[in-house]
Amino acid sequence: MRPVTSSTTSWFAGATFAVVMVVSGGFVAAQSAPDSENGRYSMTPIPEGVLRLDTRTGAMSTCTKNGAGWACYAVPDERSALDAEIGRLQAEVEKLKGQLAAGPTVSGKIDEPLPKSDPLKKAEPKAAEGERKIEIPLPSDQDVDRVMSFLERAWRRLIDMANRVQKDVSGKI
């Protein structure tokens, strides 16, 4: 064996030191500070305690101090319910698009033909000379005579009532 020289020892020491620095440097870089030190949570005082916002996920919780210590409870998030509903609707839209792309499907087909006209449909008014005209049936002569006799009787009764009232008023004055 050969005796160890100082240059070999110094070189070995330098290499060992470099390896230790690289390994320890990687170890220090791999360690991270706690989440609260990195600013993950944002705290805001409220009358009941503290409102905590997780800046990574957006989750909010209220933290209150009770006899056993601090306790944090998640605040109900309407956003997650809305996101779930949006996801459900998007899935439904995709399903319906797939059904439309598959082509039309006929269900409930019947063998007998449909009627050519609707029995409940009203007759269209008669059109003459390219214009729409509505024809209204006129009353017959009998109908006109009945109305005239009714009006004559009503007029006579009104005149008779007026004459009676005039006689009663003139006799009392």
Protein backbone atom coordinates (compact mmCIF):
# COMPACT_ATOMS: atom_id res chain seq x y z
CA MET A 1 0.00 0.00 0.00
CA ARG A 2 1.00 3.37 -0.66
CA PRO A 3 1.09 6.08 1.99
CA VAL A 4 -1.69 8.66 1.91
CA THR A 5 -0.47 11.99 0.73
CA SER A 6 -1.91 15.30 1.71
CA SER A 7 -3.09 16.09 -1.84
CA THR A 8 -5.10 12.88 -2.01
CA THR A 9 -6.56 13.55 1.43
CA SER A 10 -7.49 17.10 0.55
CA TRP A 11 -9.03 15.98 -2.72
CA PHE A 12 -11.05 13.26 -0.91
CA ALA A 13 -12.16 15.76 1.75
CA GLY A 14 -13.21 18.26 -0.91
CA ALA A 15 -15.24 15.65 -2.80
CA THR A 16 -16.90 14.47 0.40
CA PHE A 17 -17.72 18.03 1.33
CA ALA A 18 -19.24 18.66 -2.13
CA VAL A 19 -21.37 15.51 -1.95
CA VAL A 20 -22.60 16.44 1.53
CA MET A 21 -23.47 19.96 0.37
CA VAL A 22 -25.38 18.68 -2.66
CA VAL A 23 -27.30 16.14 -0.62
CA SER A 24 -28.00 18.53 2.25
CA GLY A 25 -28.93 21.31 -0.16
CA GLY A 26 -31.47 19.03 -1.84
CA PHE A 27 -32.78 18.00 1.56
CA VAL A 28 -33.19 21.61 2.65
CA ALA A 29 -34.93 22.45 -0.62
CA ALA A 30 -37.22 19.42 -0.25
CA GLN A 31 -38.35 20.57 3.18
CA SER A 32 -41.09 23.14 3.05
CA ALA A 33 -42.43 25.46 5.64
CA PRO A 34 -45.83 24.74 7.19
CA ASP A 35 -48.85 25.79 5.10
CA SER A 36 -49.66 28.75 7.28
CA GLU A 37 -46.18 30.17 6.70
CA ASN A 38 -46.57 29.92 2.91
CA GLY A 39 -49.76 31.96 3.06
CA ARG A 40 -52.10 29.10 2.23
CA TYR A 41 -54.65 30.27 4.77
CA SER A 42 -55.98 33.75 5.11
CA MET A 43 -57.52 34.57 8.49
CA THR A 44 -60.12 37.28 9.07
CA PRO A 45 -61.51 38.06 12.52
CA ILE A 46 -65.30 37.82 12.90
CA PRO A 47 -67.47 38.26 16.02
CA GLU A 48 -67.75 34.48 16.55
CA GLY A 49 -64.00 33.82 16.13
CA VAL A 50 -61.99 33.66 12.90
CA LEU A 51 -62.95 33.10 9.27
CA ARG A 52 -60.31 30.93 7.53
CA LEU A 53 -59.92 30.91 3.74
CA ASP A 54 -57.85 28.19 2.10
CA THR A 55 -56.24 30.11 -0.77
CA ARG A 56 -55.44 26.90 -2.70
CA THR A 57 -58.90 25.30 -2.70
CA GLY A 58 -61.14 28.27 -1.90
CA ALA A 59 -62.75 26.40 1.01
CA MET A 60 -63.90 28.58 3.88
CA SER A 61 -64.36 27.62 7.51
CA THR A 62 -65.27 29.35 10.72
CA CYS A 63 -62.95 28.73 13.63
CA THR A 64 -64.22 29.26 17.16
CA LYS A 65 -62.64 28.73 20.54
CA ASN A 66 -64.54 26.49 22.92
CA GLY A 67 -63.62 24.81 26.21
CA ALA A 68 -61.52 22.12 24.49
CA GLY A 69 -59.64 24.55 22.21
CA TRP A 70 -60.10 25.87 18.71
CA ALA A 71 -62.43 24.07 16.30
CA CYS A 72 -62.93 24.87 12.62
CA TYR A 73 -66.11 23.96 10.74
CA ALA A 74 -66.50 24.18 6.98
CA VAL A 75 -68.85 26.88 5.74
CA PRO A 76 -71.48 25.45 3.37
CA ASP A 77 -70.33 26.20 -0.15
CA GLU A 78 -72.97 27.00 -2.74
CA ARG A 79 -70.29 26.94 -5.40
CA SER A 80 -69.79 23.18 -5.07
CA ALA A 81 -73.54 22.61 -5.43
CA LEU A 82 -73.59 24.84 -8.53
CA ASP A 83 -70.57 23.04 -10.00
CA ALA A 84 -72.28 19.68 -9.41
CA GLU A 85 -75.45 20.88 -11.15
CA ILE A 86 -73.44 22.29 -14.06
CA GLY A 87 -71.66 18.95 -14.41
CA ARG A 88 -74.97 17.06 -14.37
CA LEU A 89 -76.45 19.35 -17.02
CA GLN A 90 -73.35 19.08 -19.22
CA ALA A 91 -73.57 15.28 -19.04
CA GLU A 92 -77.26 15.43 -19.96
CA VAL A 93 -76.52 17.73 -22.91
CA GLU A 94 -73.84 15.35 -24.17
CA LYS A 95 -76.27 12.42 -23.85
CA LEU A 96 -78.95 14.30 -25.80
CA LYS A 97 -76.44 15.31 -28.47
CA GLY A 98 -75.55 11.64 -28.84
CA GLN A 99 -79.21 10.72 -29.24
CA LEU A 100 -79.67 13.41 -31.91
CA ALA A 101 -76.59 12.25 -33.76
CA ALA A 102 -77.87 8.66 -33.73
CA GLY A 103 -80.83 9.72 -35.84
CA PRO A 104 -84.56 10.06 -35.38
CA THR A 105 -86.37 7.28 -33.59
CA VAL A 106 -90.10 6.77 -34.01
CA SER A 107 -91.91 5.33 -31.07
CA GLY A 108 -95.61 4.59 -30.76
CA LYS A 109 -96.13 4.11 -34.50
CA ILE A 110 -99.68 3.21 -35.51
CA ASP A 111 -100.79 1.24 -38.56
CA GLU A 112 -103.93 3.19 -39.50
CA PRO A 113 -103.48 6.49 -41.35
CA LEU A 114 -104.20 9.78 -39.64
CA PRO A 115 -107.33 11.69 -40.71
CA LYS A 116 -106.76 14.25 -43.43
CA SER A 117 -108.84 16.89 -41.67
CA ASP A 118 -109.43 17.80 -38.09
CA PRO A 119 -113.07 17.21 -37.11
CA LEU A 120 -112.85 19.87 -34.38
CA LYS A 121 -111.43 22.52 -36.67
CA LYS A 122 -113.85 25.36 -37.44
CA ALA A 123 -114.78 26.10 -41.02
CA GLU A 124 -112.78 28.91 -42.51
CA PRO A 125 -114.67 32.01 -43.59
CA LYS A 126 -115.40 32.20 -47.29
CA ALA A 127 -113.04 34.30 -49.33
CA ALA A 128 -114.21 36.26 -52.31
CA GLU A 129 -112.05 38.09 -54.83
CA GLY A 130 -108.83 37.29 -52.96
CA GLU A 131 -109.93 39.08 -49.77
CA ARG A 132 -111.14 37.50 -46.57
CA LYS A 133 -114.75 38.32 -45.82
CA ILE A 134 -116.71 37.09 -42.88
CA GLU A 135 -120.32 36.28 -43.64
CA ILE A 136 -122.77 36.97 -40.83
CA PRO A 137 -126.27 35.57 -41.30
CA LEU A 138 -128.91 38.34 -41.21
CA PRO A 139 -132.12 37.99 -39.18
CA SER A 140 -135.23 36.86 -40.97
CA ASP A 141 -138.34 39.06 -41.41
CA GLN A 142 -140.06 37.21 -38.56
CA ASP A 143 -137.16 38.06 -36.21
CA VAL A 144 -137.34 41.75 -37.21
CA ASP A 145 -141.13 41.81 -36.64
CA ARG A 146 -140.77 40.25 -33.17
CA VAL A 147 -138.14 42.85 -32.15
CA MET A 148 -140.28 45.71 -33.47
CA SER A 149 -143.38 44.55 -31.59
CA PHE A 150 -141.34 44.24 -28.38
CA LEU A 151 -139.96 47.76 -28.76
CA GLU A 152 -143.45 49.18 -29.46
CA ARG A 153 -144.90 47.56 -26.32
CA ALA A 154 -141.96 48.80 -24.22
CA TRP A 155 -142.34 52.34 -25.61
CA ARG A 156 -146.09 52.40 -24.90
CA ARG A 157 -145.57 51.21 -21.32
CA LEU A 158 -142.92 53.91 -20.79
CA ILE A 159 -145.27 56.62 -22.10
CA ASP A 160 -148.14 55.30 -19.91
CA MET A 161 -145.87 55.40 -16.84
CA ALA A 162 -144.79 58.97 -17.61
CA ASN A 163 -148.44 60.07 -17.98
CA ARG A 164 -149.39 58.47 -14.64
CA VAL A 165 -146.48 60.13 -12.86
CA GLN A 166 -147.43 63.51 -14.36
CA LYS A 167 -151.07 63.16 -13.23
CA ASP A 168 -149.94 62.14 -9.71
CA VAL A 169 -147.53 65.09 -9.43
CA SER A 170 -149.97 67.67 -10.84
CA GLY A 171 -152.78 66.48 -8.56
CA LYS A 172 -150.68 66.82 -5.41
CA ILE A 173 -149.30 70.26 -6.03
